[in-house]
Amino acid sequence: MIARCHSLAKSLAVLCALAALSLAAQPEAGQFATVDVFVASAEPVAAWQIELRERRGAMEVVGIERGDDPTFRDPPFFDRVVLERGVTERLVLASFSLSDAAQLSGGRVRVARVHVRTTGAATPDYELRLVAVGAADGRPIDAELSFETQAER
């Protein structure tokens, strides 16, 4: 009976050690959020390119969706390696439409939704940079860039 108790105690000790190792190997807890990217222009937008940064480098991109404009049918182009490599501080997004100028949207339009996972306790510090915006005839146009974030539940 005593030998069984010692054997049981040893088995429990091994199980506890394995459980502790399993918990230590788990990734750091993070928060999920969306970053909605908006381009605002008085002229219809046919092409755009932006850069999204998280200044502390604590952003993991987990998904990218298209915006609200139906002339941009697909999600924006981006470097897929960014999704595969995990945490990054920089993401470049771009898209274009071959639609006629009359079908393109002007004003403030959501062009992309980026799903991110952030790590650490600090609030994410996002920064957007407008690389280029163009009209249907290919000429550069003036535009403003903005974003809104929302924590996912």
N, C-alpha and C. Protein backbone atom coordinates (compact mmCIF):
# COMPACT_ATOMS: atom_id res chain seq x y z
N MET A 1 0.81 -1.19 0.00
CA MET A 1 0.00 0.00 0.00
C MET A 1 0.86 1.26 0.00
N ILE A 2 1.90 1.25 0.82
CA ILE A 2 2.80 2.40 0.88
C ILE A 2 3.50 2.58 -0.46
N ALA A 3 3.89 1.47 -1.11
CA ALA A 3 4.56 1.55 -2.41
C ALA A 3 3.63 2.17 -3.45
N ARG A 4 2.35 1.82 -3.38
CA ARG A 4 1.38 2.42 -4.31
C ARG A 4 1.25 3.92 -4.08
N CYS A 5 1.22 4.34 -2.82
CA CYS A 5 1.12 5.77 -2.51
C CYS A 5 2.34 6.52 -3.03
N HIS A 6 3.54 5.94 -2.89
CA HIS A 6 4.75 6.58 -3.40
C HIS A 6 4.70 6.66 -4.93
N SER A 7 4.23 5.59 -5.54
CA SER A 7 4.11 5.56 -7.01
C SER A 7 3.11 6.60 -7.49
N LEU A 8 1.99 6.70 -6.80
CA LEU A 8 0.98 7.70 -7.14
C LEU A 8 1.51 9.11 -6.94
N ALA A 9 2.25 9.34 -5.88
CA ALA A 9 2.82 10.66 -5.61
C ALA A 9 3.82 11.04 -6.70
N LYS A 10 4.64 10.07 -7.13
CA LYS A 10 5.61 10.34 -8.20
C LYS A 10 4.89 10.66 -9.51
N SER A 11 3.83 9.92 -9.80
CA SER A 11 3.06 10.18 -11.02
C SER A 11 2.43 11.56 -11.00
N LEU A 12 1.88 11.94 -9.86
CA LEU A 12 1.29 13.27 -9.73
C LEU A 12 2.35 14.37 -9.88
N ALA A 13 3.54 14.13 -9.33
CA ALA A 13 4.62 15.11 -9.46
C ALA A 13 5.02 15.29 -10.93
N VAL A 14 5.08 14.18 -11.68
CA VAL A 14 5.42 14.26 -13.10
C VAL A 14 4.33 15.00 -13.86
N LEU A 15 3.07 14.71 -13.58
CA LEU A 15 1.97 15.41 -14.23
C LEU A 15 1.98 16.91 -13.94
N CYS A 16 2.26 17.28 -12.70
CA CYS A 16 2.33 18.70 -12.35
C CYS A 16 3.48 19.39 -13.08
N ALA A 17 4.61 18.71 -13.19
CA ALA A 17 5.75 19.28 -13.90
C ALA A 17 5.42 19.47 -15.38
N LEU A 18 4.76 18.49 -15.98
CA LEU A 18 4.36 18.62 -17.39
C LEU A 18 3.36 19.75 -17.59
N ALA A 19 2.43 19.90 -16.67
CA ALA A 19 1.45 20.98 -16.77
C ALA A 19 2.13 22.34 -16.66
N ALA A 20 3.12 22.46 -15.76
CA ALA A 20 3.85 23.72 -15.61
C ALA A 20 4.63 24.04 -16.88
N LEU A 21 5.25 23.05 -17.49
CA LEU A 21 5.97 23.26 -18.74
C LEU A 21 5.03 23.68 -19.85
N SER A 22 3.84 23.08 -19.89
CA SER A 22 2.86 23.42 -20.91
C SER A 22 2.40 24.87 -20.77
N LEU A 23 2.17 25.31 -19.54
CA LEU A 23 1.76 26.70 -19.32
C LEU A 23 2.87 27.66 -19.69
N ALA A 24 4.11 27.32 -19.42
CA ALA A 24 5.23 28.20 -19.75
C ALA A 24 5.41 28.33 -21.25
N ALA A 25 5.02 27.31 -22.02
CA ALA A 25 5.20 27.33 -23.47
C ALA A 25 4.09 28.07 -24.19
N GLN A 26 3.03 28.45 -23.48
CA GLN A 26 1.91 29.14 -24.12
C GLN A 26 2.32 30.55 -24.49
N PRO A 27 1.81 31.08 -25.62
CA PRO A 27 2.17 32.43 -26.03
C PRO A 27 1.63 33.47 -25.06
N GLU A 28 2.29 34.63 -25.06
CA GLU A 28 1.87 35.73 -24.23
C GLU A 28 0.44 36.13 -24.60
N ALA A 29 -0.36 36.40 -23.59
CA ALA A 29 -1.74 36.80 -23.85
C ALA A 29 -1.75 38.11 -24.63
N GLY A 30 -2.68 38.24 -25.51
CA GLY A 30 -2.77 39.46 -26.31
C GLY A 30 -4.21 39.89 -26.46
N GLN A 31 -4.38 41.01 -27.12
CA GLN A 31 -5.72 41.53 -27.37
C GLN A 31 -5.92 41.62 -28.87
N PHE A 32 -7.13 41.35 -29.32
CA PHE A 32 -7.47 41.45 -30.73
C PHE A 32 -8.22 42.75 -30.96
N ALA A 33 -7.95 43.37 -32.09
CA ALA A 33 -8.59 44.63 -32.44
C ALA A 33 -8.66 44.75 -33.95
N THR A 34 -9.47 45.70 -34.40
CA THR A 34 -9.50 46.02 -35.83
C THR A 34 -9.01 47.46 -35.99
N VAL A 35 -8.33 47.67 -37.11
CA VAL A 35 -7.90 49.01 -37.48
C VAL A 35 -8.57 49.30 -38.83
N ASP A 36 -9.55 50.19 -38.83
CA ASP A 36 -10.22 50.60 -40.06
C ASP A 36 -9.46 51.77 -40.66
N VAL A 37 -9.09 51.63 -41.94
CA VAL A 37 -8.31 52.65 -42.64
C VAL A 37 -9.23 53.40 -43.60
N PHE A 38 -9.20 54.74 -43.53
CA PHE A 38 -10.04 55.60 -44.35
C PHE A 38 -9.19 56.52 -45.21
N VAL A 39 -9.59 56.68 -46.47
CA VAL A 39 -9.00 57.67 -47.37
C VAL A 39 -10.10 58.67 -47.69
N ALA A 40 -9.76 59.96 -47.56
CA ALA A 40 -10.72 61.02 -47.86
C ALA A 40 -10.14 61.90 -48.95
N SER A 41 -10.93 62.08 -50.02
CA SER A 41 -10.50 62.91 -51.14
C SER A 41 -11.72 63.56 -51.79
N ALA A 42 -11.53 64.76 -52.27
CA ALA A 42 -12.61 65.45 -52.99
C ALA A 42 -12.84 64.82 -54.36
N GLU A 43 -11.83 64.13 -54.88
CA GLU A 43 -11.94 63.47 -56.18
C GLU A 43 -12.12 61.96 -55.98
N PRO A 44 -12.72 61.28 -56.94
CA PRO A 44 -12.86 59.82 -56.86
C PRO A 44 -11.48 59.15 -56.84
N VAL A 45 -11.33 58.16 -55.96
CA VAL A 45 -10.06 57.46 -55.77
C VAL A 45 -10.07 56.16 -56.57
N ALA A 46 -9.04 55.99 -57.42
CA ALA A 46 -8.92 54.77 -58.21
C ALA A 46 -7.79 53.86 -57.71
N ALA A 47 -6.84 54.42 -57.00
CA ALA A 47 -5.72 53.63 -56.47
C ALA A 47 -5.18 54.29 -55.22
N TRP A 48 -4.68 53.46 -54.31
CA TRP A 48 -4.11 53.98 -53.07
C TRP A 48 -3.07 53.01 -52.53
N GLN A 49 -2.14 53.55 -51.76
CA GLN A 49 -1.15 52.74 -51.04
C GLN A 49 -0.86 53.43 -49.72
N ILE A 50 -0.87 52.64 -48.65
CA ILE A 50 -0.63 53.19 -47.31
C ILE A 50 0.35 52.28 -46.57
N GLU A 51 0.88 52.83 -45.50
CA GLU A 51 1.73 52.06 -44.59
C GLU A 51 1.16 52.19 -43.19
N LEU A 52 0.92 51.07 -42.55
CA LEU A 52 0.44 51.03 -41.16
C LEU A 52 1.58 50.56 -40.28
N ARG A 53 1.85 51.31 -39.23
CA ARG A 53 2.91 50.95 -38.28
C ARG A 53 2.35 50.89 -36.87
N GLU A 54 2.94 50.03 -36.08
CA GLU A 54 2.73 50.04 -34.64
C GLU A 54 4.11 50.39 -34.09
N ARG A 55 4.23 51.56 -33.51
CA ARG A 55 5.55 52.13 -33.17
C ARG A 55 6.38 51.27 -32.23
N ARG A 56 5.74 50.44 -31.43
CA ARG A 56 6.49 49.58 -30.50
C ARG A 56 6.83 48.22 -31.11
N GLY A 57 6.29 47.94 -32.31
CA GLY A 57 6.58 46.67 -32.96
C GLY A 57 5.84 45.50 -32.34
N ALA A 58 4.71 45.76 -31.72
CA ALA A 58 3.98 44.72 -31.00
C ALA A 58 2.67 44.38 -31.68
N MET A 59 2.66 44.35 -33.02
CA MET A 59 1.44 44.10 -33.77
C MET A 59 1.59 42.80 -34.57
N GLU A 60 0.64 41.92 -34.43
CA GLU A 60 0.59 40.72 -35.25
C GLU A 60 -0.65 40.83 -36.14
N VAL A 61 -0.44 40.88 -37.44
CA VAL A 61 -1.55 40.97 -38.38
C VAL A 61 -2.15 39.58 -38.55
N VAL A 62 -3.45 39.45 -38.26
CA VAL A 62 -4.10 38.14 -38.35
C VAL A 62 -5.14 38.08 -39.46
N GLY A 63 -5.42 39.21 -40.10
CA GLY A 63 -6.36 39.20 -41.21
C GLY A 63 -6.52 40.57 -41.82
N ILE A 64 -6.90 40.60 -43.09
CA ILE A 64 -7.10 41.85 -43.81
C ILE A 64 -8.36 41.73 -44.65
N GLU A 65 -9.25 42.72 -44.53
CA GLU A 65 -10.50 42.74 -45.30
C GLU A 65 -10.51 43.96 -46.21
N ARG A 66 -11.34 43.87 -47.24
CA ARG A 66 -11.52 45.03 -48.11
C ARG A 66 -12.35 46.08 -47.38
N GLY A 67 -12.47 47.24 -48.01
CA GLY A 67 -13.24 48.33 -47.41
C GLY A 67 -14.69 48.31 -47.86
N ASP A 68 -15.32 49.48 -47.81
CA ASP A 68 -16.74 49.60 -48.12
C ASP A 68 -17.03 49.87 -49.59
N ASP A 69 -16.06 50.36 -50.34
CA ASP A 69 -16.27 50.75 -51.73
C ASP A 69 -16.43 49.51 -52.61
N PRO A 70 -17.58 49.34 -53.26
CA PRO A 70 -17.80 48.13 -54.06
C PRO A 70 -16.93 48.05 -55.32
N THR A 71 -16.33 49.17 -55.74
CA THR A 71 -15.46 49.10 -56.92
C THR A 71 -14.12 48.46 -56.59
N PHE A 72 -13.76 48.41 -55.32
CA PHE A 72 -12.58 47.67 -54.88
C PHE A 72 -13.08 46.33 -54.35
N ARG A 73 -13.23 45.36 -55.25
CA ARG A 73 -13.92 44.09 -54.93
C ARG A 73 -13.12 43.17 -54.01
N ASP A 74 -11.82 43.22 -54.12
CA ASP A 74 -10.96 42.28 -53.38
C ASP A 74 -10.28 42.99 -52.21
N PRO A 75 -9.79 42.21 -51.26
CA PRO A 75 -8.99 42.82 -50.19
C PRO A 75 -7.75 43.49 -50.80
N PRO A 76 -7.18 44.46 -50.11
CA PRO A 76 -5.99 45.11 -50.65
C PRO A 76 -4.82 44.14 -50.77
N PHE A 77 -3.89 44.51 -51.62
CA PHE A 77 -2.66 43.74 -51.76
C PHE A 77 -1.76 44.03 -50.56
N PHE A 78 -1.01 43.02 -50.14
CA PHE A 78 -0.10 43.16 -49.02
C PHE A 78 0.92 42.03 -49.10
N ASP A 79 1.97 42.14 -48.33
CA ASP A 79 3.01 41.12 -48.28
C ASP A 79 2.54 39.98 -47.37
N ARG A 80 2.22 38.84 -47.95
CA ARG A 80 1.70 37.70 -47.16
C ARG A 80 2.71 37.16 -46.14
N VAL A 81 3.98 37.43 -46.35
CA VAL A 81 5.00 36.99 -45.40
C VAL A 81 4.78 37.65 -44.05
N VAL A 82 4.23 38.87 -44.06
CA VAL A 82 3.95 39.57 -42.81
C VAL A 82 2.99 38.74 -41.95
N LEU A 83 1.98 38.15 -42.57
CA LEU A 83 1.04 37.31 -41.82
C LEU A 83 1.71 36.05 -41.30
N GLU A 84 2.62 35.49 -42.07
CA GLU A 84 3.25 34.24 -41.69
C GLU A 84 4.33 34.40 -40.62
N ARG A 85 5.01 35.54 -40.61
CA ARG A 85 6.14 35.68 -39.70
C ARG A 85 5.74 36.11 -38.30
N GLY A 86 4.51 36.55 -38.13
CA GLY A 86 4.05 36.89 -36.79
C GLY A 86 4.15 38.38 -36.52
N VAL A 87 4.75 38.74 -35.39
CA VAL A 87 4.77 40.12 -34.93
C VAL A 87 5.59 40.99 -35.87
N THR A 88 5.05 42.13 -36.19
CA THR A 88 5.72 43.08 -37.07
C THR A 88 5.44 44.49 -36.59
N GLU A 89 6.20 45.44 -37.09
CA GLU A 89 5.91 46.84 -36.77
C GLU A 89 5.38 47.59 -37.98
N ARG A 90 5.36 46.94 -39.18
CA ARG A 90 5.00 47.66 -40.40
C ARG A 90 4.25 46.77 -41.38
N LEU A 91 3.19 47.34 -41.98
CA LEU A 91 2.41 46.64 -42.99
C LEU A 91 2.10 47.63 -44.10
N VAL A 92 2.37 47.24 -45.34
CA VAL A 92 2.04 48.07 -46.50
C VAL A 92 0.82 47.46 -47.19
N LEU A 93 -0.19 48.29 -47.46
CA LEU A 93 -1.41 47.88 -48.14
C LEU A 93 -1.60 48.74 -49.38
N ALA A 94 -2.15 48.14 -50.44
CA ALA A 94 -2.42 48.90 -51.66
C ALA A 94 -3.56 48.25 -52.43
N SER A 95 -4.27 49.06 -53.20
CA SER A 95 -5.33 48.54 -54.04
C SER A 95 -5.57 49.50 -55.20
N PHE A 96 -6.24 48.98 -56.23
CA PHE A 96 -6.60 49.81 -57.38
C PHE A 96 -7.89 49.27 -57.97
N SER A 97 -8.55 50.13 -58.72
CA SER A 97 -9.78 49.75 -59.41
C SER A 97 -9.68 50.20 -60.86
N LEU A 98 -10.14 49.36 -61.76
CA LEU A 98 -10.17 49.71 -63.18
C LEU A 98 -11.53 50.25 -63.60
N SER A 99 -12.37 50.55 -62.64
CA SER A 99 -13.70 51.09 -62.92
C SER A 99 -13.59 52.50 -63.50
N ASP A 100 -14.63 52.91 -64.21
CA ASP A 100 -14.70 54.27 -64.73
C ASP A 100 -14.74 55.27 -63.58
N ALA A 101 -14.25 56.46 -63.83
CA ALA A 101 -14.22 57.50 -62.80
C ALA A 101 -15.62 57.77 -62.22
N ALA A 102 -16.65 57.65 -63.05
CA ALA A 102 -18.02 57.91 -62.59
C ALA A 102 -18.47 56.88 -61.55
N GLN A 103 -17.87 55.70 -61.55
CA GLN A 103 -18.27 54.65 -60.60
C GLN A 103 -17.46 54.70 -59.30
N LEU A 104 -16.37 55.41 -59.28
CA LEU A 104 -15.48 55.46 -58.11
C LEU A 104 -16.03 56.40 -57.05
N SER A 105 -15.68 56.14 -55.82
CA SER A 105 -16.14 56.95 -54.70
C SER A 105 -15.14 58.04 -54.35
N GLY A 106 -15.68 59.18 -53.97
CA GLY A 106 -14.89 60.26 -53.39
C GLY A 106 -15.35 60.45 -51.96
N GLY A 107 -14.86 61.47 -51.31
CA GLY A 107 -15.23 61.69 -49.91
C GLY A 107 -14.43 60.79 -49.00
N ARG A 108 -14.95 60.50 -47.84
CA ARG A 108 -14.26 59.63 -46.86
C ARG A 108 -14.77 58.21 -47.05
N VAL A 109 -13.85 57.30 -47.38
CA VAL A 109 -14.21 55.91 -47.67
C VAL A 109 -13.31 54.98 -46.88
N ARG A 110 -13.91 53.98 -46.24
CA ARG A 110 -13.10 52.94 -45.58
C ARG A 110 -12.54 52.05 -46.68
N VAL A 111 -11.21 51.99 -46.77
CA VAL A 111 -10.58 51.22 -47.83
C VAL A 111 -10.07 49.86 -47.36
N ALA A 112 -9.94 49.67 -46.04
CA ALA A 112 -9.44 48.38 -45.53
C ALA A 112 -9.77 48.25 -44.05
N ARG A 113 -9.85 47.00 -43.62
CA ARG A 113 -9.96 46.67 -42.19
C ARG A 113 -8.86 45.66 -41.90
N VAL A 114 -8.00 46.02 -40.97
CA VAL A 114 -6.88 45.16 -40.59
C VAL A 114 -7.18 44.58 -39.21
N HIS A 115 -7.15 43.26 -39.11
CA HIS A 115 -7.34 42.58 -37.83
C HIS A 115 -5.96 42.33 -37.23
N VAL A 116 -5.77 42.79 -36.00
CA VAL A 116 -4.46 42.67 -35.36
C VAL A 116 -4.58 42.04 -33.99
N ARG A 117 -3.49 41.45 -33.57
CA ARG A 117 -3.33 40.95 -32.21
C ARG A 117 -2.15 41.70 -31.64
N THR A 118 -2.35 42.37 -30.53
CA THR A 118 -1.26 43.11 -29.90
C THR A 118 -0.82 42.38 -28.65
N THR A 119 0.44 42.53 -28.33
CA THR A 119 1.00 41.90 -27.14
C THR A 119 1.46 42.98 -26.18
N GLY A 120 1.59 42.60 -24.93
CA GLY A 120 2.02 43.55 -23.92
C GLY A 120 0.85 44.30 -23.32
N ALA A 121 1.15 45.05 -22.28
CA ALA A 121 0.10 45.76 -21.55
C ALA A 121 -0.17 47.15 -22.09
N ALA A 122 0.79 47.71 -22.82
CA ALA A 122 0.63 49.08 -23.31
C ALA A 122 -0.41 49.16 -24.42
N THR A 123 -1.06 50.30 -24.53
CA THR A 123 -2.01 50.56 -25.60
C THR A 123 -1.25 50.66 -26.92
N PRO A 124 -1.74 50.03 -27.98
CA PRO A 124 -1.04 50.12 -29.27
C PRO A 124 -0.90 51.57 -29.73
N ASP A 125 0.21 51.86 -30.39
CA ASP A 125 0.52 53.19 -30.88
C ASP A 125 0.63 53.12 -32.40
N TYR A 126 -0.52 53.21 -33.07
CA TYR A 126 -0.55 53.08 -34.53
C TYR A 126 -0.20 54.40 -35.21
N GLU A 127 0.38 54.26 -36.39
CA GLU A 127 0.70 55.40 -37.23
C GLU A 127 0.42 55.01 -38.68
N LEU A 128 -0.25 55.89 -39.41
CA LEU A 128 -0.52 55.66 -40.83
C LEU A 128 0.25 56.66 -41.66
N ARG A 129 0.74 56.19 -42.81
CA ARG A 129 1.41 57.08 -43.75
C ARG A 129 0.83 56.84 -45.13
N LEU A 130 0.42 57.90 -45.77
CA LEU A 130 -0.12 57.83 -47.12
C LEU A 130 1.04 57.82 -48.10
N VAL A 131 1.18 56.73 -48.84
CA VAL A 131 2.26 56.61 -49.81
C VAL A 131 1.83 57.21 -51.14
N ALA A 132 0.63 56.86 -51.62
CA ALA A 132 0.15 57.37 -52.90
C ALA A 132 -1.36 57.22 -53.00
N VAL A 133 -1.98 58.17 -53.73
CA VAL A 133 -3.40 58.09 -54.08
C VAL A 133 -3.51 58.61 -55.50
N GLY A 134 -4.30 57.88 -56.32
CA GLY A 134 -4.41 58.29 -57.71
C GLY A 134 -5.83 58.28 -58.23
N ALA A 135 -6.05 59.06 -59.28
CA ALA A 135 -7.34 59.13 -59.96
C ALA A 135 -7.39 58.08 -61.06
N ALA A 136 -8.56 57.95 -61.67
CA ALA A 136 -8.76 56.94 -62.73
C ALA A 136 -7.85 57.18 -63.93
N ASP A 137 -7.46 58.42 -64.16
CA ASP A 137 -6.57 58.71 -65.29
C ASP A 137 -5.09 58.57 -64.92
N GLY A 138 -4.81 58.14 -63.71
CA GLY A 138 -3.44 57.86 -63.29
C GLY A 138 -2.71 59.01 -62.63
N ARG A 139 -3.30 60.17 -62.57
CA ARG A 139 -2.59 61.29 -61.95
C ARG A 139 -2.77 61.25 -60.44
N PRO A 140 -1.74 61.71 -59.71
CA PRO A 140 -1.83 61.77 -58.25
C PRO A 140 -2.89 62.78 -57.83
N ILE A 141 -3.57 62.48 -56.74
CA ILE A 141 -4.57 63.41 -56.20
C ILE A 141 -4.31 63.61 -54.71
N ASP A 142 -4.83 64.72 -54.19
CA ASP A 142 -4.70 65.01 -52.77
C ASP A 142 -5.70 64.18 -51.98
N ALA A 143 -5.26 63.70 -50.84
CA ALA A 143 -6.14 62.91 -49.98
C ALA A 143 -5.63 62.98 -48.55
N GLU A 144 -6.51 62.67 -47.63
CA GLU A 144 -6.16 62.58 -46.21
C GLU A 144 -6.41 61.16 -45.75
N LEU A 145 -5.64 60.74 -44.80
CA LEU A 145 -5.70 59.38 -44.28
C LEU A 145 -6.07 59.43 -42.81
N SER A 146 -6.93 58.50 -42.39
CA SER A 146 -7.29 58.41 -40.97
C SER A 146 -7.58 56.95 -40.63
N PHE A 147 -7.67 56.67 -39.35
CA PHE A 147 -8.01 55.31 -38.93
C PHE A 147 -8.83 55.35 -37.64
N GLU A 148 -9.56 54.27 -37.44
CA GLU A 148 -10.32 54.06 -36.21
C GLU A 148 -10.02 52.66 -35.72
N THR A 149 -9.86 52.50 -34.44
CA THR A 149 -9.62 51.17 -33.87
C THR A 149 -10.80 50.76 -33.01
N GLN A 150 -10.98 49.46 -32.92
CA GLN A 150 -12.03 48.93 -32.07
C GLN A 150 -11.55 47.58 -31.52
N ALA A 151 -11.65 47.42 -30.22
CA ALA A 151 -11.28 46.15 -29.60
C ALA A 151 -12.32 45.11 -29.95
N GLU A 152 -11.85 43.91 -30.28
CA GLU A 152 -12.77 42.81 -30.58
C GLU A 152 -13.10 42.09 -29.30
N ARG A 153 -14.28 41.58 -29.27
CA ARG A 153 -14.71 40.83 -28.09
C ARG A 153 -14.42 39.38 -28.25
